[in-house]
Amino acid sequence: MKDYEMNGEFESQQKQVRHYLLQGNSITPLEALNLCNSLRLSAIIFKLREEGLPIVTEKLQVSPRKRVANYYLPKDYLETLNQ
């Protein structure tokens, strides 16, 4: 187990990202840095998927030669949670 996972910081960041996604928001690595001071969004997303969240990844073109990952929960999944 890595140090960042053992000290609880990773779990706290994971909870923040989970809550943010469950509110219907999408998140990019830059937004994760601002939201929860995390540079490891892909690791958080991996763990949340292991928990069963059906997180979708889309690539956003931010410049002619650069793309970033954008993660979100499908609307139909969010609707089933709100029923």
PDB file of N, CA and C in Angstrom:
ATOM      1  N   MET A   1       0.838  -1.174   0.000  1.00  0.00           N
ATOM      2  CA  MET A   1       0.000   0.000   0.000  1.00  0.00           C
ATOM      3  C   MET A   1       0.890   1.247   0.000  1.00  0.00           C
ATOM      4  N   LYS A   2       0.516   2.237  -0.762  1.00  0.00           N
ATOM      5  CA  LYS A   2       1.319   3.442  -0.877  1.00  0.00           C
ATOM      6  C   LYS A   2       1.023   4.388   0.280  1.00  0.00           C
ATOM      7  N   ASP A   3       1.989   5.268   0.575  1.00  0.00           N
ATOM      8  CA  ASP A   3       1.857   6.193   1.694  1.00  0.00           C
ATOM      9  C   ASP A   3       0.612   7.055   1.605  1.00  0.00           C
ATOM     10  N   TYR A   4       0.304   7.566   0.407  1.00  0.00           N
ATOM     11  CA  TYR A   4      -0.850   8.452   0.285  1.00  0.00           C
ATOM     12  C   TYR A   4      -2.155   7.716   0.551  1.00  0.00           C
ATOM     13  N   GLU A   5      -2.170   6.403   0.378  1.00  0.00           N
ATOM     14  CA  GLU A   5      -3.377   5.631   0.674  1.00  0.00           C
ATOM     15  C   GLU A   5      -3.468   5.324   2.166  1.00  0.00           C
ATOM     16  N   MET A   6      -2.349   5.154   2.819  1.00  0.00           N
ATOM     17  CA  MET A   6      -2.355   4.777   4.220  1.00  0.00           C
ATOM     18  C   MET A   6      -2.730   5.941   5.128  1.00  0.00           C
ATOM     19  N   ASN A   7      -2.434   7.172   4.745  1.00  0.00           N
ATOM     20  CA  ASN A   7      -2.675   8.281   5.653  1.00  0.00           C
ATOM     21  C   ASN A   7      -4.090   8.843   5.566  1.00  0.00           C
ATOM     22  N   GLY A   8      -4.930   8.286   4.758  1.00  0.00           N
ATOM     23  CA  GLY A   8      -6.313   8.727   4.681  1.00  0.00           C
ATOM     24  C   GLY A   8      -6.558   9.863   3.712  1.00  0.00           C
ATOM     25  N   GLU A   9      -5.503  10.514   3.241  1.00  0.00           N
ATOM     26  CA  GLU A   9      -5.689  11.624   2.312  1.00  0.00           C
ATOM     27  C   GLU A   9      -6.330  11.153   1.017  1.00  0.00           C
ATOM     28  N   PHE A  10      -5.902   9.997   0.523  1.00  0.00           N
ATOM     29  CA  PHE A  10      -6.460   9.463  -0.713  1.00  0.00           C
ATOM     30  C   PHE A  10      -7.953   9.179  -0.543  1.00  0.00           C
ATOM     31  N   GLU A  11      -8.333   8.571   0.606  1.00  0.00           N
ATOM     32  CA  GLU A  11      -9.752   8.276   0.834  1.00  0.00           C
ATOM     33  C   GLU A  11     -10.581   9.552   0.899  1.00  0.00           C
ATOM     34  N   SER A  12     -10.031  10.599   1.505  1.00  0.00           N
ATOM     35  CA  SER A  12     -10.732  11.868   1.592  1.00  0.00           C
ATOM     36  C   SER A  12     -10.931  12.474   0.199  1.00  0.00           C
ATOM     37  N   GLN A  13      -9.884  12.418  -0.611  1.00  0.00           N
ATOM     38  CA  GLN A  13     -10.001  12.925  -1.981  1.00  0.00           C
ATOM     39  C   GLN A  13     -11.004  12.097  -2.763  1.00  0.00           C
ATOM     40  N   GLN A  14     -10.996  10.789  -2.532  1.00  0.00           N
ATOM     41  CA  GLN A  14     -11.932   9.892  -3.211  1.00  0.00           C
ATOM     42  C   GLN A  14     -13.364  10.244  -2.828  1.00  0.00           C
ATOM     43  N   LYS A  15     -13.615  10.516  -1.568  1.00  0.00           N
ATOM     44  CA  LYS A  15     -14.955  10.897  -1.119  1.00  0.00           C
ATOM     45  C   LYS A  15     -15.393  12.208  -1.754  1.00  0.00           C
ATOM     46  N   GLN A  16     -14.479  13.165  -1.846  1.00  0.00           N
ATOM     47  CA  GLN A  16     -14.814  14.449  -2.457  1.00  0.00           C
ATOM     48  C   GLN A  16     -15.174  14.277  -3.928  1.00  0.00           C
ATOM     49  N   VAL A  17     -14.396  13.492  -4.649  1.00  0.00           N
ATOM     50  CA  VAL A  17     -14.657  13.274  -6.075  1.00  0.00           C
ATOM     51  C   VAL A  17     -15.968  12.500  -6.244  1.00  0.00           C
ATOM     52  N   ARG A  18     -16.198  11.468  -5.426  1.00  0.00           N
ATOM     53  CA  ARG A  18     -17.456  10.706  -5.492  1.00  0.00           C
ATOM     54  C   ARG A  18     -18.649  11.638  -5.300  1.00  0.00           C
ATOM     55  N   HIS A  19     -18.607  12.450  -4.266  1.00  0.00           N
ATOM     56  CA  HIS A  19     -19.705  13.383  -3.979  1.00  0.00           C
ATOM     57  C   HIS A  19     -19.915  14.356  -5.146  1.00  0.00           C
ATOM     58  N   TYR A  20     -18.833  14.869  -5.682  1.00  0.00           N
ATOM     59  CA  TYR A  20     -18.894  15.812  -6.803  1.00  0.00           C
ATOM     60  C   TYR A  20     -19.556  15.174  -8.025  1.00  0.00           C
ATOM     61  N   LEU A  21     -19.174  13.947  -8.342  1.00  0.00           N
ATOM     62  CA  LEU A  21     -19.765  13.240  -9.482  1.00  0.00           C
ATOM     63  C   LEU A  21     -21.230  12.905  -9.236  1.00  0.00           C
ATOM     64  N   LEU A  22     -21.559  12.503  -8.023  1.00  0.00           N
ATOM     65  CA  LEU A  22     -22.949  12.138  -7.705  1.00  0.00           C
ATOM     66  C   LEU A  22     -23.878  13.345  -7.738  1.00  0.00           C
ATOM     67  N   GLN A  23     -23.333  14.545  -7.684  1.00  0.00           N
ATOM     68  CA  GLN A  23     -24.131  15.762  -7.825  1.00  0.00           C
ATOM     69  C   GLN A  23     -24.423  16.069  -9.293  1.00  0.00           C
ATOM     70  N   GLY A  24     -23.883  15.249 -10.200  1.00  0.00           N
ATOM     71  CA  GLY A  24     -24.130  15.443 -11.625  1.00  0.00           C
ATOM     72  C   GLY A  24     -23.056  16.236 -12.336  1.00  0.00           C
ATOM     73  N   ASN A  25     -21.962  16.487 -11.672  1.00  0.00           N
ATOM     74  CA  ASN A  25     -20.858  17.233 -12.276  1.00  0.00           C
ATOM     75  C   ASN A  25     -19.917  16.302 -13.026  1.00  0.00           C
ATOM     76  N   SER A  26     -19.204  16.868 -13.976  1.00  0.00           N
ATOM     77  CA  SER A  26     -18.092  16.154 -14.603  1.00  0.00           C
ATOM     78  C   SER A  26     -16.815  16.733 -14.007  1.00  0.00           C
ATOM     79  N   ILE A  27     -15.703  16.009 -14.164  1.00  0.00           N
ATOM     80  CA  ILE A  27     -14.460  16.473 -13.564  1.00  0.00           C
ATOM     81  C   ILE A  27     -13.272  16.144 -14.462  1.00  0.00           C
ATOM     82  N   THR A  28     -12.363  17.093 -14.557  1.00  0.00           N
ATOM     83  CA  THR A  28     -11.096  16.927 -15.276  1.00  0.00           C
ATOM     84  C   THR A  28      -9.966  16.936 -14.247  1.00  0.00           C
ATOM     85  N   PRO A  29      -8.763  16.542 -14.653  1.00  0.00           N
ATOM     86  CA  PRO A  29      -7.647  16.585 -13.708  1.00  0.00           C
ATOM     87  C   PRO A  29      -7.401  17.973 -13.103  1.00  0.00           C
ATOM     88  N   LEU A  30      -7.553  19.025 -13.883  1.00  0.00           N
ATOM     89  CA  LEU A  30      -7.355  20.367 -13.348  1.00  0.00           C
ATOM     90  C   LEU A  30      -8.426  20.705 -12.307  1.00  0.00           C
ATOM     91  N   GLU A  31      -9.665  20.300 -12.569  1.00  0.00           N
ATOM     92  CA  GLU A  31     -10.731  20.531 -11.593  1.00  0.00           C
ATOM     93  C   GLU A  31     -10.485  19.734 -10.313  1.00  0.00           C
ATOM     94  N   ALA A  32      -9.952  18.523 -10.443  1.00  0.00           N
ATOM     95  CA  ALA A  32      -9.636  17.716  -9.258  1.00  0.00           C
ATOM     96  C   ALA A  32      -8.534  18.374  -8.440  1.00  0.00           C
ATOM     97  N   LEU A  33      -7.580  18.971  -9.108  1.00  0.00           N
ATOM     98  CA  LEU A  33      -6.519  19.680  -8.400  1.00  0.00           C
ATOM     99  C   LEU A  33      -7.112  20.832  -7.591  1.00  0.00           C
ATOM    100  N   ASN A  34      -8.028  21.569  -8.182  1.00  0.00           N
ATOM    101  CA  ASN A  34      -8.668  22.688  -7.486  1.00  0.00           C
ATOM    102  C   ASN A  34      -9.650  22.223  -6.413  1.00  0.00           C
ATOM    103  N   LEU A  35     -10.372  21.149  -6.675  1.00  0.00           N
ATOM    104  CA  LEU A  35     -11.399  20.660  -5.750  1.00  0.00           C
ATOM    105  C   LEU A  35     -10.794  20.022  -4.507  1.00  0.00           C
ATOM    106  N   CYS A  36      -9.858  19.114  -4.700  1.00  0.00           N
ATOM    107  CA  CYS A  36      -9.369  18.333  -3.556  1.00  0.00           C
ATOM    108  C   CYS A  36      -7.856  18.195  -3.520  1.00  0.00           C
ATOM    109  N   ASN A  37      -7.166  19.066  -4.246  1.00  0.00           N
ATOM    110  CA  ASN A  37      -5.703  19.079  -4.234  1.00  0.00           C
ATOM    111  C   ASN A  37      -5.112  17.739  -4.671  1.00  0.00           C
ATOM    112  N   SER A  38      -5.731  17.110  -5.652  1.00  0.00           N
ATOM    113  CA  SER A  38      -5.280  15.798  -6.121  1.00  0.00           C
ATOM    114  C   SER A  38      -4.656  15.880  -7.503  1.00  0.00           C
ATOM    115  N   LEU A  39      -3.495  15.258  -7.620  1.00  0.00           N
ATOM    116  CA  LEU A  39      -2.849  15.108  -8.914  1.00  0.00           C
ATOM    117  C   LEU A  39      -3.047  13.700  -9.463  1.00  0.00           C
ATOM    118  N   ARG A  40      -3.859  12.883  -8.770  1.00  0.00           N
ATOM    119  CA  ARG A  40      -4.029  11.463  -9.123  1.00  0.00           C
ATOM    120  C   ARG A  40      -5.490  11.137  -9.423  1.00  0.00           C
ATOM    121  N   LEU A  41      -6.138  11.955 -10.228  1.00  0.00           N
ATOM    122  CA  LEU A  41      -7.552  11.724 -10.526  1.00  0.00           C
ATOM    123  C   LEU A  41      -7.779  10.364 -11.168  1.00  0.00           C
ATOM    124  N   SER A  42      -6.916   9.933 -12.051  1.00  0.00           N
ATOM    125  CA  SER A  42      -7.135   8.640 -12.708  1.00  0.00           C
ATOM    126  C   SER A  42      -7.120   7.500 -11.692  1.00  0.00           C
ATOM    127  N   ALA A  43      -6.294   7.591 -10.657  1.00  0.00           N
ATOM    128  CA  ALA A  43      -6.273   6.568  -9.607  1.00  0.00           C
ATOM    129  C   ALA A  43      -7.565   6.597  -8.798  1.00  0.00           C
ATOM    130  N   ILE A  44      -8.068   7.789  -8.524  1.00  0.00           N
ATOM    131  CA  ILE A  44      -9.333   7.920  -7.800  1.00  0.00           C
ATOM    132  C   ILE A  44     -10.468   7.329  -8.622  1.00  0.00           C
ATOM    133  N   ILE A  45     -10.505   7.640  -9.914  1.00  0.00           N
ATOM    134  CA  ILE A  45     -11.539   7.114 -10.803  1.00  0.00           C
ATOM    135  C   ILE A  45     -11.463   5.590 -10.851  1.00  0.00           C
ATOM    136  N   PHE A  46     -10.270   5.043 -10.907  1.00  0.00           N
ATOM    137  CA  PHE A  46     -10.089   3.589 -10.915  1.00  0.00           C
ATOM    138  C   PHE A  46     -10.724   2.967  -9.671  1.00  0.00           C
ATOM    139  N   LYS A  47     -10.444   3.553  -8.499  1.00  0.00           N
ATOM    140  CA  LYS A  47     -11.002   3.032  -7.247  1.00  0.00           C
ATOM    141  C   LYS A  47     -12.523   3.162  -7.213  1.00  0.00           C
ATOM    142  N   LEU A  48     -13.055   4.268  -7.690  1.00  0.00           N
ATOM    143  CA  LEU A  48     -14.505   4.464  -7.706  1.00  0.00           C
ATOM    144  C   LEU A  48     -15.181   3.472  -8.652  1.00  0.00           C
ATOM    145  N   ARG A  49     -14.539   3.159  -9.750  1.00  0.00           N
ATOM    146  CA  ARG A  49     -15.073   2.138 -10.658  1.00  0.00           C
ATOM    147  C   ARG A  49     -15.057   0.767  -9.989  1.00  0.00           C
ATOM    148  N   GLU A  50     -14.012   0.487  -9.222  1.00  0.00           N
ATOM    149  CA  GLU A  50     -13.959  -0.778  -8.476  1.00  0.00           C
ATOM    150  C   GLU A  50     -15.117  -0.880  -7.483  1.00  0.00           C
ATOM    151  N   GLU A  51     -15.566   0.266  -6.965  1.00  0.00           N
ATOM    152  CA  GLU A  51     -16.699   0.302  -6.037  1.00  0.00           C
ATOM    153  C   GLU A  51     -18.031   0.144  -6.769  1.00  0.00           C
ATOM    154  N   GLY A  52     -18.009   0.188  -8.085  1.00  0.00           N
ATOM    155  CA  GLY A  52     -19.222  -0.028  -8.854  1.00  0.00           C
ATOM    156  C   GLY A  52     -19.809   1.192  -9.534  1.00  0.00           C
ATOM    157  N   LEU A  53     -19.181   2.342  -9.416  1.00  0.00           N
ATOM    158  CA  LEU A  53     -19.698   3.524 -10.100  1.00  0.00           C
ATOM    159  C   LEU A  53     -19.406   3.422 -11.598  1.00  0.00           C
ATOM    160  N   PRO A  54     -20.425   3.599 -12.438  1.00  0.00           N
ATOM    161  CA  PRO A  54     -20.233   3.474 -13.894  1.00  0.00           C
ATOM    162  C   PRO A  54     -19.710   4.773 -14.521  1.00  0.00           C
ATOM    163  N   ILE A  55     -18.534   5.163 -14.152  1.00  0.00           N
ATOM    164  CA  ILE A  55     -17.961   6.436 -14.603  1.00  0.00           C
ATOM    165  C   ILE A  55     -17.554   6.329 -16.068  1.00  0.00           C
ATOM    166  N   VAL A  56     -17.956   7.339 -16.837  1.00  0.00           N
ATOM    167  CA  VAL A  56     -17.647   7.413 -18.267  1.00  0.00           C
ATOM    168  C   VAL A  56     -16.470   8.365 -18.451  1.00  0.00           C
ATOM    169  N   THR A  57     -15.584   8.010 -19.372  1.00  0.00           N
ATOM    170  CA  THR A  57     -14.448   8.866 -19.714  1.00  0.00           C
ATOM    171  C   THR A  57     -14.646   9.393 -21.124  1.00  0.00           C
ATOM    172  N   GLU A  58     -14.478  10.697 -21.272  1.00  0.00           N
ATOM    173  CA  GLU A  58     -14.441  11.274 -22.617  1.00  0.00           C
ATOM    174  C   GLU A  58     -13.179  12.120 -22.711  1.00  0.00           C
ATOM    175  N   LYS A  59     -12.644  12.201 -23.898  1.00  0.00           N
ATOM    176  CA  LYS A  59     -11.450  13.007 -24.127  1.00  0.00           C
ATOM    177  C   LYS A  59     -11.867  14.353 -24.703  1.00  0.00           C
ATOM    178  N   LEU A  60     -11.452  15.417 -24.035  1.00  0.00           N
ATOM    179  CA  LEU A  60     -11.753  16.771 -24.494  1.00  0.00           C
ATOM    180  C   LEU A  60     -10.537  17.335 -25.217  1.00  0.00           C
ATOM    181  N   GLN A  61     -10.759  17.875 -26.401  1.00  0.00           N
ATOM    182  CA  GLN A  61      -9.689  18.507 -27.175  1.00  0.00           C
ATOM    183  C   GLN A  61      -9.525  19.929 -26.632  1.00  0.00           C
ATOM    184  N   VAL A  62      -8.402  20.213 -25.988  1.00  0.00           N
ATOM    185  CA  VAL A  62      -8.188  21.536 -25.412  1.00  0.00           C
ATOM    186  C   VAL A  62      -7.278  22.416 -26.270  1.00  0.00           C
ATOM    187  N   SER A  63      -6.574  21.794 -27.195  1.00  0.00           N
ATOM    188  CA  SER A  63      -5.774  22.516 -28.178  1.00  0.00           C
ATOM    189  C   SER A  63      -5.560  21.556 -29.348  1.00  0.00           C
ATOM    190  N   PRO A  64      -5.017  22.033 -30.444  1.00  0.00           N
ATOM    191  CA  PRO A  64      -4.857  21.135 -31.593  1.00  0.00           C
ATOM    192  C   PRO A  64      -4.090  19.840 -31.296  1.00  0.00           C
ATOM    193  N   ARG A  65      -3.186  19.890 -30.322  1.00  0.00           N
ATOM    194  CA  ARG A  65      -2.388  18.699 -30.042  1.00  0.00           C
ATOM    195  C   ARG A  65      -2.531  18.190 -28.610  1.00  0.00           C
ATOM    196  N   LYS A  66      -3.527  18.655 -27.890  1.00  0.00           N
ATOM    197  CA  LYS A  66      -3.657  18.242 -26.501  1.00  0.00           C
ATOM    198  C   LYS A  66      -5.107  17.889 -26.171  1.00  0.00           C
ATOM    199  N   ARG A  67      -5.251  16.723 -25.503  1.00  0.00           N
ATOM    200  CA  ARG A  67      -6.561  16.289 -25.021  1.00  0.00           C
ATOM    201  C   ARG A  67      -6.442  15.960 -23.539  1.00  0.00           C
ATOM    202  N   VAL A  68      -7.533  16.156 -22.813  1.00  0.00           N
ATOM    203  CA  VAL A  68      -7.574  15.793 -21.396  1.00  0.00           C
ATOM    204  C   VAL A  68      -8.792  14.918 -21.148  1.00  0.00           C
ATOM    205  N   ALA A  69      -8.694  14.108 -20.112  1.00  0.00           N
ATOM    206  CA  ALA A  69      -9.817  13.241 -19.746  1.00  0.00           C
ATOM    207  C   ALA A  69     -10.852  14.039 -18.968  1.00  0.00           C
ATOM    208  N   ASN A  70     -12.101  13.766 -19.256  1.00  0.00           N
ATOM    209  CA  ASN A  70     -13.230  14.333 -18.534  1.00  0.00           C
ATOM    210  C   ASN A  70     -14.084  13.152 -18.068  1.00  0.00           C
ATOM    211  N   TYR A  71     -14.358  13.080 -16.773  1.00  0.00           N
ATOM    212  CA  TYR A  71     -15.088  11.949 -16.201  1.00  0.00           C
ATOM    213  C   TYR A  71     -16.456  12.407 -15.713  1.00  0.00           C
ATOM    214  N   TYR A  72     -17.463  11.545 -15.899  1.00  0.00           N
ATOM    215  CA  TYR A  72     -18.803  11.862 -15.417  1.00  0.00           C
ATOM    216  C   TYR A  72     -19.602  10.576 -15.237  1.00  0.00           C
ATOM    217  N   LEU A  73     -20.708  10.708 -14.517  1.00  0.00           N
ATOM    218  CA  LEU A  73     -21.656   9.601 -14.363  1.00  0.00           C
ATOM    219  C   LEU A  73     -22.792   9.796 -15.355  1.00  0.00           C
ATOM    220  N   PRO A  74     -23.246   8.728 -16.005  1.00  0.00           N
ATOM    221  CA  PRO A  74     -24.344   8.853 -16.966  1.00  0.00           C
ATOM    222  C   PRO A  74     -25.614   9.391 -16.306  1.00  0.00           C
ATOM    223  N   LYS A  75     -26.364  10.185 -17.049  1.00  0.00           N
ATOM    224  CA  LYS A  75     -27.592  10.779 -16.514  1.00  0.00           C
ATOM    225  C   LYS A  75     -28.600   9.732 -16.074  1.00  0.00           C
ATOM    226  N   ASP A  76     -28.733   8.632 -16.833  1.00  0.00           N
ATOM    227  CA  ASP A  76     -29.696   7.619 -16.444  1.00  0.00           C
ATOM    228  C   ASP A  76     -29.326   6.980 -15.103  1.00  0.00           C
ATOM    229  N   TYR A  77     -28.024   6.835 -14.825  1.00  0.00           N
ATOM    230  CA  TYR A  77     -27.586   6.310 -13.528  1.00  0.00           C
ATOM    231  C   TYR A  77     -27.941   7.284 -12.410  1.00  0.00           C
ATOM    232  N   LEU A  78     -27.698   8.558 -12.639  1.00  0.00           N
ATOM    233  CA  LEU A  78     -28.028   9.578 -11.632  1.00  0.00           C
ATOM    234  C   LEU A  78     -29.535   9.635 -11.388  1.00  0.00           C
ATOM    235  N   GLU A  79     -30.323   9.475 -12.442  1.00  0.00           N
ATOM    236  CA  GLU A  79     -31.783   9.485 -12.298  1.00  0.00           C
ATOM    237  C   GLU A  79     -32.274   8.317 -11.453  1.00  0.00           C
ATOM    238  N   THR A  80     -31.672   7.152 -11.603  1.00  0.00           N
ATOM    239  CA  THR A  80     -32.094   6.004 -10.798  1.00  0.00           C
ATOM    240  C   THR A  80     -31.771   6.225  -9.321  1.00  0.00           C
ATOM    241  N   LEU A  81     -30.724   6.964  -9.024  1.00  0.00           N
ATOM    242  CA  LEU A  81     -30.368   7.265  -7.639  1.00  0.00           C
ATOM    243  C   LEU A  81     -31.346   8.245  -7.007  1.00  0.00           C
ATOM    244  N   ASN A  82     -31.905   9.120  -7.828  1.00  0.00           N
ATOM    245  CA  ASN A  82     -32.812  10.163  -7.325  1.00  0.00           C
ATOM    246  C   ASN A  82     -34.260   9.715  -7.227  1.00  0.00           C
ATOM    247  N   GLN A  83     -34.548   8.464  -7.563  1.00  0.00           N
ATOM    248  CA  GLN A  83     -35.930   7.982  -7.505  1.00  0.00           C
ATOM    249  C   GLN A  83     -36.240   7.389  -6.167  1.00  0.00           C
TER     250      GLN A  83
END
